Amino acid sequence: APAPPSPGGGDAQRPSRGGPGGPGGGGPGAVELAAARRRLVAAE
């Protein structure tokens, strides 16, 4: 089950887990993760 969105603004506020964009930045890995999460929620 997908986690409920946080009250602070959703996926954009979460820290990255270390993708190609680096540990502190919101690089391309975070965007792909957010898109995958949206697709997962829609599929569910």
PDB file of all heavy atoms in Angstrom:
ATOM      1  N   ALA A   1       0.845  -1.194   0.000  1.00  0.00           N
ATOM      2  CA  ALA A   1       0.000   0.000   0.000  1.00  0.00           C
ATOM      3  C   ALA A   1       0.879   1.242   0.000  1.00  0.00           C
ATOM      4  O   ALA A   1       1.878   1.311   0.723  1.00  0.00           O
ATOM      5  CB  ALA A   1      -0.906   0.004   1.223  1.00  0.00           C
ATOM      6  N   PRO A   2       0.540   2.249  -0.794  1.00  0.00           N
ATOM      7  CA  PRO A   2       1.354   3.459  -0.838  1.00  0.00           C
ATOM      8  C   PRO A   2       1.213   4.251   0.454  1.00  0.00           C
ATOM      9  O   PRO A   2       0.171   4.267   1.088  1.00  0.00           O
ATOM     10  CB  PRO A   2       0.810   4.230  -2.028  1.00  0.00           C
ATOM     11  CG  PRO A   2      -0.578   3.721  -2.202  1.00  0.00           C
ATOM     12  CD  PRO A   2      -0.555   2.298  -1.734  1.00  0.00           C
ATOM     13  N   ALA A   3       2.294   4.893   0.821  1.00  0.00           N
ATOM     14  CA  ALA A   3       2.292   5.697   2.039  1.00  0.00           C
ATOM     15  C   ALA A   3       1.491   6.961   1.792  1.00  0.00           C
ATOM     16  O   ALA A   3       1.513   7.520   0.698  1.00  0.00           O
ATOM     17  CB  ALA A   3       3.730   6.048   2.433  1.00  0.00           C
ATOM     18  N   PRO A   4       0.759   7.442   2.796  1.00  0.00           N
ATOM     19  CA  PRO A   4      -0.002   8.674   2.599  1.00  0.00           C
ATOM     20  C   PRO A   4       0.948   9.854   2.427  1.00  0.00           C
ATOM     21  O   PRO A   4       2.030   9.881   2.997  1.00  0.00           O
ATOM     22  CB  PRO A   4      -0.817   8.801   3.883  1.00  0.00           C
ATOM     23  CG  PRO A   4      -0.130   7.956   4.896  1.00  0.00           C
ATOM     24  CD  PRO A   4       0.575   6.873   4.128  1.00  0.00           C
ATOM     25  N   PRO A   5       0.539  10.831   1.617  1.00  0.00           N
ATOM     26  CA  PRO A   5       1.422  11.980   1.395  1.00  0.00           C
ATOM     27  C   PRO A   5       1.599  12.773   2.678  1.00  0.00           C
ATOM     28  O   PRO A   5       0.689  12.894   3.486  1.00  0.00           O
ATOM     29  CB  PRO A   5       0.713  12.799   0.317  1.00  0.00           C
ATOM     30  CG  PRO A   5      -0.691  12.323   0.327  1.00  0.00           C
ATOM     31  CD  PRO A   5      -0.685  10.938   0.859  1.00  0.00           C
ATOM     32  N   SER A   6       2.793  13.327   2.834  1.00  0.00           N
ATOM     33  CA  SER A   6       3.076  14.091   4.053  1.00  0.00           C
ATOM     34  C   SER A   6       2.424  15.457   3.961  1.00  0.00           C
ATOM     35  O   SER A   6       2.234  15.999   2.874  1.00  0.00           O
ATOM     36  CB  SER A   6       4.587  14.229   4.240  1.00  0.00           C
ATOM     37  OG  SER A   6       5.126  14.961   3.166  1.00  0.00           O
ATOM     38  N   PRO A   7       2.070  16.044   5.082  1.00  0.00           N
ATOM     39  CA  PRO A   7       1.392  17.333   5.057  1.00  0.00           C
ATOM     40  C   PRO A   7       2.304  18.454   4.587  1.00  0.00           C
ATOM     41  O   PRO A   7       1.834  19.516   4.225  1.00  0.00           O
ATOM     42  CB  PRO A   7       0.939  17.548   6.499  1.00  0.00           C
ATOM     43  CG  PRO A   7       1.707  16.584   7.337  1.00  0.00           C
ATOM     44  CD  PRO A   7       2.134  15.471   6.436  1.00  0.00           C
ATOM     45  N   GLY A   8       3.561  18.240   4.522  1.00  0.00           N
ATOM     46  CA  GLY A   8       4.477  19.307   4.146  1.00  0.00           C
ATOM     47  C   GLY A   8       4.598  19.524   2.657  1.00  0.00           C
ATOM     48  O   GLY A   8       5.331  20.388   2.215  1.00  0.00           O
ATOM     49  N   GLY A   9       3.958  18.723   1.787  1.00  0.00           N
ATOM     50  CA  GLY A   9       4.043  19.013   0.364  1.00  0.00           C
ATOM     51  C   GLY A   9       4.289  17.799  -0.487  1.00  0.00           C
ATOM     52  O   GLY A   9       4.589  17.905  -1.643  1.00  0.00           O
ATOM     53  N   GLY A  10       4.204  16.601   0.058  1.00  0.00           N
ATOM     54  CA  GLY A  10       4.253  15.415  -0.769  1.00  0.00           C
ATOM     55  C   GLY A  10       5.655  14.897  -0.978  1.00  0.00           C
ATOM     56  O   GLY A  10       6.531  15.010  -0.125  1.00  0.00           O
ATOM     57  N   ASP A  11       5.920  14.371  -2.149  1.00  0.00           N
ATOM     58  CA  ASP A  11       7.172  13.683  -2.445  1.00  0.00           C
ATOM     59  C   ASP A  11       8.338  14.637  -2.636  1.00  0.00           C
ATOM     60  O   ASP A  11       9.488  14.245  -2.492  1.00  0.00           O
ATOM     61  CB  ASP A  11       7.003  12.840  -3.714  1.00  0.00           C
ATOM     62  CG  ASP A  11       6.005  11.717  -3.495  1.00  0.00           C
ATOM     63  OD1 ASP A  11       5.849  11.298  -2.326  1.00  0.00           O
ATOM     64  OD2 ASP A  11       5.398  11.268  -4.473  1.00  0.00           O
ATOM     65  N   ALA A  12       8.093  15.838  -2.981  1.00  0.00           N
ATOM     66  CA  ALA A  12       9.183  16.774  -3.256  1.00  0.00           C
ATOM     67  C   ALA A  12       9.948  17.136  -1.991  1.00  0.00           C
ATOM     68  O   ALA A  12      11.108  17.500  -2.053  1.00  0.00           O
ATOM     69  CB  ALA A  12       8.639  18.040  -3.908  1.00  0.00           C
ATOM     70  N   GLN A  13       9.339  17.031  -0.809  1.00  0.00           N
ATOM     71  CA  GLN A  13       9.985  17.406   0.442  1.00  0.00           C
ATOM     72  C   GLN A  13      10.826  16.284   1.031  1.00  0.00           C
ATOM     73  O   GLN A  13      11.600  16.506   1.933  1.00  0.00           O
ATOM     74  CB  GLN A  13       8.911  17.805   1.464  1.00  0.00           C
ATOM     75  CG  GLN A  13       8.112  19.017   1.075  1.00  0.00           C
ATOM     76  CD  GLN A  13       8.961  20.277   1.126  1.00  0.00           C
ATOM     77  OE1 GLN A  13       9.866  20.394   1.948  1.00  0.00           O
ATOM     78  NE2 GLN A  13       8.692  21.213   0.227  1.00  0.00           N
ATOM     79  N   ARG A  14      10.673  15.038   0.525  1.00  0.00           N
ATOM     80  CA  ARG A  14      11.401  13.919   1.091  1.00  0.00           C
ATOM     81  C   ARG A  14      12.869  13.984   0.684  1.00  0.00           C
ATOM     82  O   ARG A  14      13.179  14.314  -0.458  1.00  0.00           O
ATOM     83  CB  ARG A  14      10.798  12.606   0.594  1.00  0.00           C
ATOM     84  CG  ARG A  14       9.439  12.367   1.203  1.00  0.00           C
ATOM     85  CD  ARG A  14       8.988  10.970   0.902  1.00  0.00           C
ATOM     86  NE  ARG A  14       7.623  10.815   1.407  1.00  0.00           N
ATOM     87  CZ  ARG A  14       6.774   9.962   0.937  1.00  0.00           C
ATOM     88  NH1 ARG A  14       7.113   9.182  -0.048  1.00  0.00           N
ATOM     89  NH2 ARG A  14       5.589   9.865   1.444  1.00  0.00           N
ATOM     90  N   PRO A  15      13.745  13.582   1.580  1.00  0.00           N
ATOM     91  CA  PRO A  15      15.168  13.547   1.207  1.00  0.00           C
ATOM     92  C   PRO A  15      15.429  12.389   0.271  1.00  0.00           C
ATOM     93  O   PRO A  15      14.782  11.357   0.350  1.00  0.00           O
ATOM     94  CB  PRO A  15      15.892  13.360   2.533  1.00  0.00           C
ATOM     95  CG  PRO A  15      14.881  12.780   3.460  1.00  0.00           C
ATOM     96  CD  PRO A  15      13.546  13.288   2.993  1.00  0.00           C
ATOM     97  N   SER A  16      16.373  12.572  -0.606  1.00  0.00           N
ATOM     98  CA  SER A  16      16.735  11.543  -1.571  1.00  0.00           C
ATOM     99  C   SER A  16      17.496  10.435  -0.883  1.00  0.00           C
ATOM    100  O   SER A  16      18.201  10.664   0.086  1.00  0.00           O
ATOM    101  CB  SER A  16      17.598  12.170  -2.672  1.00  0.00           C
ATOM    102  OG  SER A  16      17.996  11.156  -3.558  1.00  0.00           O
ATOM    103  N   ARG A  17      17.372   9.239  -1.400  1.00  0.00           N
ATOM    104  CA  ARG A  17      18.058   8.106  -0.793  1.00  0.00           C
ATOM    105  C   ARG A  17      19.369   7.813  -1.519  1.00  0.00           C
ATOM    106  O   ARG A  17      19.838   6.693  -1.491  1.00  0.00           O
ATOM    107  CB  ARG A  17      17.151   6.890  -0.842  1.00  0.00           C
ATOM    108  CG  ARG A  17      15.930   7.099   0.030  1.00  0.00           C
ATOM    109  CD  ARG A  17      15.158   5.834   0.175  1.00  0.00           C
ATOM    110  NE  ARG A  17      13.949   6.120   0.941  1.00  0.00           N
ATOM    111  CZ  ARG A  17      13.180   5.222   1.448  1.00  0.00           C
ATOM    112  NH1 ARG A  17      13.480   3.970   1.283  1.00  0.00           N
ATOM    113  NH2 ARG A  17      12.127   5.537   2.112  1.00  0.00           N
ATOM    114  N   GLY A  18      19.827   8.712  -2.209  1.00  0.00           N
ATOM    115  CA  GLY A  18      21.125   8.524  -2.838  1.00  0.00           C
ATOM    116  C   GLY A  18      21.009   7.940  -4.216  1.00  0.00           C
ATOM    117  O   GLY A  18      21.296   6.786  -4.417  1.00  0.00           O
ATOM    118  N   GLY A  19      20.580   8.686  -5.134  1.00  0.00           N
ATOM    119  CA  GLY A  19      20.521   8.238  -6.519  1.00  0.00           C
ATOM    120  C   GLY A  19      21.594   8.941  -7.307  1.00  0.00           C
ATOM    121  O   GLY A  19      22.568   9.450  -6.753  1.00  0.00           O
ATOM    122  N   PRO A  20      21.408   9.005  -8.607  1.00  0.00           N
ATOM    123  CA  PRO A  20      22.397   9.658  -9.428  1.00  0.00           C
ATOM    124  C   PRO A  20      22.490  11.153  -9.150  1.00  0.00           C
ATOM    125  O   PRO A  20      23.472  11.788  -9.451  1.00  0.00           O
ATOM    126  CB  PRO A  20      21.947   9.409 -10.854  1.00  0.00           C
ATOM    127  CG  PRO A  20      20.757   8.528 -10.795  1.00  0.00           C
ATOM    128  CD  PRO A  20      20.399   8.338  -9.381  1.00  0.00           C
ATOM    129  N   GLY A  21      21.472  11.725  -8.571  1.00  0.00           N
ATOM    130  CA  GLY A  21      21.496  13.158  -8.317  1.00  0.00           C
ATOM    131  C   GLY A  21      22.220  13.520  -7.050  1.00  0.00           C
ATOM    132  O   GLY A  21      22.370  14.687  -6.740  1.00  0.00           O
ATOM    133  N   GLY A  22      22.646  12.569  -6.285  1.00  0.00           N
ATOM    134  CA  GLY A  22      23.368  12.876  -5.062  1.00  0.00           C
ATOM    135  C   GLY A  22      22.484  12.759  -3.850  1.00  0.00           C
ATOM    136  O   GLY A  22      21.260  12.781  -3.948  1.00  0.00           O
ATOM    137  N   PRO A  23      23.070  12.686  -2.630  1.00  0.00           N
ATOM    138  CA  PRO A  23      22.284  12.489  -1.440  1.00  0.00           C
ATOM    139  C   PRO A  23      21.476  13.714  -1.026  1.00  0.00           C
ATOM    140  O   PRO A  23      20.397  13.585  -0.482  1.00  0.00           O
ATOM    141  CB  PRO A  23      23.295  12.142  -0.368  1.00  0.00           C
ATOM    142  CG  PRO A  23      24.624  12.487  -0.903  1.00  0.00           C
ATOM    143  CD  PRO A  23      24.497  12.592  -2.380  1.00  0.00           C
ATOM    144  N   GLY A  24      21.872  14.871  -1.301  1.00  0.00           N
ATOM    145  CA  GLY A  24      21.174  16.060  -0.815  1.00  0.00           C
ATOM    146  C   GLY A  24      20.292  16.700  -1.845  1.00  0.00           C
ATOM    147  O   GLY A  24      19.339  17.380  -1.509  1.00  0.00           O
ATOM    148  N   GLY A  25      20.509  16.513  -3.093  1.00  0.00           N
ATOM    149  CA  GLY A  25      19.765  17.221  -4.134  1.00  0.00           C
ATOM    150  C   GLY A  25      18.586  16.432  -4.629  1.00  0.00           C
ATOM    151  O   GLY A  25      18.459  15.246  -4.423  1.00  0.00           O
ATOM    152  N   GLY A  26      17.678  17.080  -5.306  1.00  0.00           N
ATOM    153  CA  GLY A  26      16.525  16.435  -5.919  1.00  0.00           C
ATOM    154  C   GLY A  26      16.818  16.164  -7.367  1.00  0.00           C
ATOM    155  O   GLY A  26      16.217  16.785  -8.238  1.00  0.00           O
ATOM    156  N   GLY A  27      17.697  15.291  -7.647  1.00  0.00           N
ATOM    157  CA  GLY A  27      18.134  15.018  -9.016  1.00  0.00           C
ATOM    158  C   GLY A  27      17.145  14.193  -9.805  1.00  0.00           C
ATOM    159  O   GLY A  27      15.992  14.014  -9.418  1.00  0.00           O
ATOM    160  N   PRO A  28      17.615  13.695 -10.958  1.00  0.00           N
ATOM    161  CA  PRO A  28      16.743  12.924 -11.846  1.00  0.00           C
ATOM    162  C   PRO A  28      16.227  11.656 -11.193  1.00  0.00           C
ATOM    163  O   PRO A  28      15.153  11.174 -11.537  1.00  0.00           O
ATOM    164  CB  PRO A  28      17.601  12.591 -13.040  1.00  0.00           C
ATOM    165  CG  PRO A  28      18.949  13.146 -12.786  1.00  0.00           C
ATOM    166  CD  PRO A  28      18.941  13.867 -11.502  1.00  0.00           C
ATOM    167  N   GLY A  29      16.890  11.101 -10.221  1.00  0.00           N
ATOM    168  CA  GLY A  29      16.422   9.891  -9.542  1.00  0.00           C
ATOM    169  C   GLY A  29      15.150  10.159  -8.750  1.00  0.00           C
ATOM    170  O   GLY A  29      14.234   9.336  -8.712  1.00  0.00           O
ATOM    171  N   ALA A  30      15.061  11.321  -8.123  1.00  0.00           N
ATOM    172  CA  ALA A  30      13.884  11.669  -7.344  1.00  0.00           C
ATOM    173  C   ALA A  30      12.677  11.887  -8.246  1.00  0.00           C
ATOM    174  O   ALA A  30      11.553  11.524  -7.910  1.00  0.00           O
ATOM    175  CB  ALA A  30      14.159  12.909  -6.514  1.00  0.00           C
ATOM    176  N   VAL A  31      12.904  12.467  -9.420  1.00  0.00           N
ATOM    177  CA  VAL A  31      11.806  12.702 -10.366  1.00  0.00           C
ATOM    178  C   VAL A  31      11.273  11.364 -10.880  1.00  0.00           C
ATOM    179  O   VAL A  31      10.060  11.146 -10.970  1.00  0.00           O
ATOM    180  CB  VAL A  31      12.296  13.596 -11.528  1.00  0.00           C
ATOM    181  CG1 VAL A  31      11.232  13.711 -12.586  1.00  0.00           C
ATOM    182  CG2 VAL A  31      12.698  14.958 -10.999  1.00  0.00           C
ATOM    183  N   GLU A  32      12.211  10.463 -11.209  1.00  0.00           N
ATOM    184  CA  GLU A  32      11.768   9.144 -11.683  1.00  0.00           C
ATOM    185  C   GLU A  32      11.025   8.386 -10.598  1.00  0.00           C
ATOM    186  O   GLU A  32      10.031   7.709 -10.854  1.00  0.00           O
ATOM    187  CB  GLU A  32      12.987   8.337 -12.137  1.00  0.00           C
ATOM    188  CG  GLU A  32      13.612   8.842 -13.414  1.00  0.00           C
ATOM    189  CD  GLU A  32      14.885   8.085 -13.748  1.00  0.00           C
ATOM    190  OE1 GLU A  32      15.183   7.085 -13.063  1.00  0.00           O
ATOM    191  OE2 GLU A  32      15.553   8.498 -14.692  1.00  0.00           O
ATOM    192  N   LEU A  33      11.506   8.511  -9.363  1.00  0.00           N
ATOM    193  CA  LEU A  33      10.849   7.839  -8.242  1.00  0.00           C
ATOM    194  C   LEU A  33       9.440   8.396  -8.032  1.00  0.00           C
ATOM    195  O   LEU A  33       8.481   7.644  -7.822  1.00  0.00           O
ATOM    196  CB  LEU A  33      11.681   8.020  -6.974  1.00  0.00           C
ATOM    197  CG  LEU A  33      11.185   7.282  -5.734  1.00  0.00           C
ATOM    198  CD1 LEU A  33      11.173   5.782  -5.967  1.00  0.00           C
ATOM    199  CD2 LEU A  33      12.043   7.627  -4.530  1.00  0.00           C
ATOM    200  N   ALA A  34       9.273   9.693  -8.115  1.00  0.00           N
ATOM    201  CA  ALA A  34       7.954  10.314  -7.960  1.00  0.00           C
ATOM    202  C   ALA A  34       7.018   9.880  -9.072  1.00  0.00           C
ATOM    203  O   ALA A  34       5.837   9.574  -8.840  1.00  0.00           O
ATOM    204  CB  ALA A  34       8.092  11.827  -7.934  1.00  0.00           C
ATOM    205  N   ALA A  35       7.513   9.799 -10.304  1.00  0.00           N
ATOM    206  CA  ALA A  35       6.685   9.356 -11.428  1.00  0.00           C
ATOM    207  C   ALA A  35       6.285   7.892 -11.260  1.00  0.00           C
ATOM    208  O   ALA A  35       5.130   7.514 -11.508  1.00  0.00           O
ATOM    209  CB  ALA A  35       7.440   9.580 -12.737  1.00  0.00           C
ATOM    210  N   ALA A  36       7.219   7.076 -10.815  1.00  0.00           N
ATOM    211  CA  ALA A  36       6.919   5.662 -10.588  1.00  0.00           C
ATOM    212  C   ALA A  36       5.885   5.502  -9.481  1.00  0.00           C
ATOM    213  O   ALA A  36       4.967   4.676  -9.577  1.00  0.00           O
ATOM    214  CB  ALA A  36       8.199   4.910 -10.239  1.00  0.00           C
ATOM    215  N   ARG A  37       6.043   6.336  -8.435  1.00  0.00           N
ATOM    216  CA  ARG A  37       5.083   6.273  -7.337  1.00  0.00           C
ATOM    217  C   ARG A  37       3.681   6.684  -7.815  1.00  0.00           C
ATOM    218  O   ARG A  37       2.687   6.072  -7.451  1.00  0.00           O
ATOM    219  CB  ARG A  37       5.554   7.181  -6.193  1.00  0.00           C
ATOM    220  CG  ARG A  37       4.693   7.014  -4.952  1.00  0.00           C
ATOM    221  CD  ARG A  37       5.305   7.661  -3.748  1.00  0.00           C
ATOM    222  NE  ARG A  37       6.382   6.801  -3.254  1.00  0.00           N
ATOM    223  CZ  ARG A  37       7.546   7.244  -2.821  1.00  0.00           C
ATOM    224  NH1 ARG A  37       7.816   8.523  -2.822  1.00  0.00           N
ATOM    225  NH2 ARG A  37       8.463   6.421  -2.362  1.00  0.00           N
ATOM    226  N   ARG A  38       3.578   7.710  -8.650  1.00  0.00           N
ATOM    227  CA  ARG A  38       2.272   8.130  -9.196  1.00  0.00           C
ATOM    228  C   ARG A  38       1.664   7.021 -10.049  1.00  0.00           C
ATOM    229  O   ARG A  38       0.465   6.760  -9.978  1.00  0.00           O
ATOM    230  CB  ARG A  38       2.430   9.408 -10.014  1.00  0.00           C
ATOM    231  CG  ARG A  38       2.503  10.666  -9.168  1.00  0.00           C
ATOM    232  CD  ARG A  38       2.347  11.910 -10.023  1.00  0.00           C
ATOM    233  NE  ARG A  38       3.392  12.017 -11.047  1.00  0.00           N
ATOM    234  CZ  ARG A  38       4.576  12.611 -10.866  1.00  0.00           C
ATOM    235  NH1 ARG A  38       4.869  13.154  -9.693  1.00  0.00           N
ATOM    236  NH2 ARG A  38       5.462  12.676 -11.846  1.00  0.00           N
ATOM    237  N   ARG A  39       2.499   6.397 -10.861  1.00  0.00           N
ATOM    238  CA  ARG A  39       1.986   5.293 -11.684  1.00  0.00           C
ATOM    239  C   ARG A  39       1.494   4.137 -10.810  1.00  0.00           C
ATOM    240  O   ARG A  39       0.479   3.510 -11.098  1.00  0.00           O
ATOM    241  CB  ARG A  39       3.068   4.803 -12.653  1.00  0.00           C
ATOM    242  CG  ARG A  39       3.347   5.766 -13.786  1.00  0.00           C
ATOM    243  CD  ARG A  39       4.193   5.123 -14.885  1.00  0.00           C
ATOM    244  NE  ARG A  39       5.464   4.588 -14.402  1.00  0.00           N
ATOM    245  CZ  ARG A  39       6.622   5.267 -14.337  1.00  0.00           C
ATOM    246  NH1 ARG A  39       6.654   6.528 -14.739  1.00  0.00           N
ATOM    247  NH2 ARG A  39       7.716   4.693 -13.899  1.00  0.00           N
ATOM    248  N   LEU A  40       2.237   3.862  -9.738  1.00  0.00           N
ATOM    249  CA  LEU A  40       1.837   2.794  -8.808  1.00  0.00           C
ATOM    250  C   LEU A  40       0.506   3.112  -8.139  1.00  0.00           C
ATOM    251  O   LEU A  40      -0.378   2.252  -8.027  1.00  0.00           O
ATOM    252  CB  LEU A  40       2.931   2.591  -7.755  1.00  0.00           C
ATOM    253  CG  LEU A  40       2.680   1.478  -6.732  1.00  0.00           C
ATOM    254  CD1 LEU A  40       2.618   0.132  -7.440  1.00  0.00           C
ATOM    255  CD2 LEU A  40       3.756   1.483  -5.668  1.00  0.00           C
ATOM    256  N   VAL A  41       0.327   4.346  -7.691  1.00  0.00           N
ATOM    257  CA  VAL A  41      -0.933   4.762  -7.052  1.00  0.00           C
ATOM    258  C   VAL A  41      -2.084   4.654  -8.049  1.00  0.00           C
ATOM    259  O   VAL A  41      -3.178   4.176  -7.720  1.00  0.00           O
ATOM    260  CB  VAL A  41      -0.803   6.188  -6.484  1.00  0.00           C
ATOM    261  CG1 VAL A  41      -2.159   6.754  -6.088  1.00  0.00           C
ATOM    262  CG2 VAL A  41       0.150   6.202  -5.298  1.00  0.00           C
ATOM    263  N   ALA A  42      -1.858   5.086  -9.299  1.00  0.00           N
ATOM    264  CA  ALA A  42      -2.904   5.000 -10.328  1.00  0.00           C
ATOM    265  C   ALA A  42      -3.253   3.539 -10.625  1.00  0.00           C
ATOM    266  O   ALA A  42      -4.436   3.177 -10.758  1.00  0.00           O
ATOM    267  CB  ALA A  42      -2.445   5.718 -11.595  1.00  0.00           C
ATOM    268  N   ALA A  43      -2.224   2.688 -10.708  1.00  0.00           N
ATOM    269  CA  ALA A  43      -2.475   1.272 -10.968  1.00  0.00           C
ATOM    270  C   ALA A  43      -3.241   0.632  -9.821  1.00  0.00           C
ATOM    271  O   ALA A  43      -4.146  -0.193 -10.036  1.00  0.00           O
ATOM    272  CB  ALA A  43      -1.145   0.542 -11.206  1.00  0.00           C
ATOM    273  N   GLU A  44      -2.891   1.006  -8.586  1.00  0.00           N
ATOM    274  CA  GLU A  44      -3.601   0.470  -7.423  1.00  0.00           C
ATOM    275  C   GLU A  44      -5.062   0.915  -7.433  1.00  0.00           C
ATOM    276  O   GLU A  44      -5.964   0.136  -7.126  1.00  0.00           O
ATOM    277  CB  GLU A  44      -2.910   0.935  -6.137  1.00  0.00           C
ATOM    278  CG  GLU A  44      -3.533   0.408  -4.862  1.00  0.00           C
ATOM    279  CD  GLU A  44      -3.402  -1.095  -4.709  1.00  0.00           C
ATOM    280  OE1 GLU A  44      -2.522  -1.711  -5.337  1.00  0.00           O
ATOM    281  OE2 GLU A  44      -4.223  -1.663  -3.953  1.00  0.00           O
TER     282      GLU A  44
END
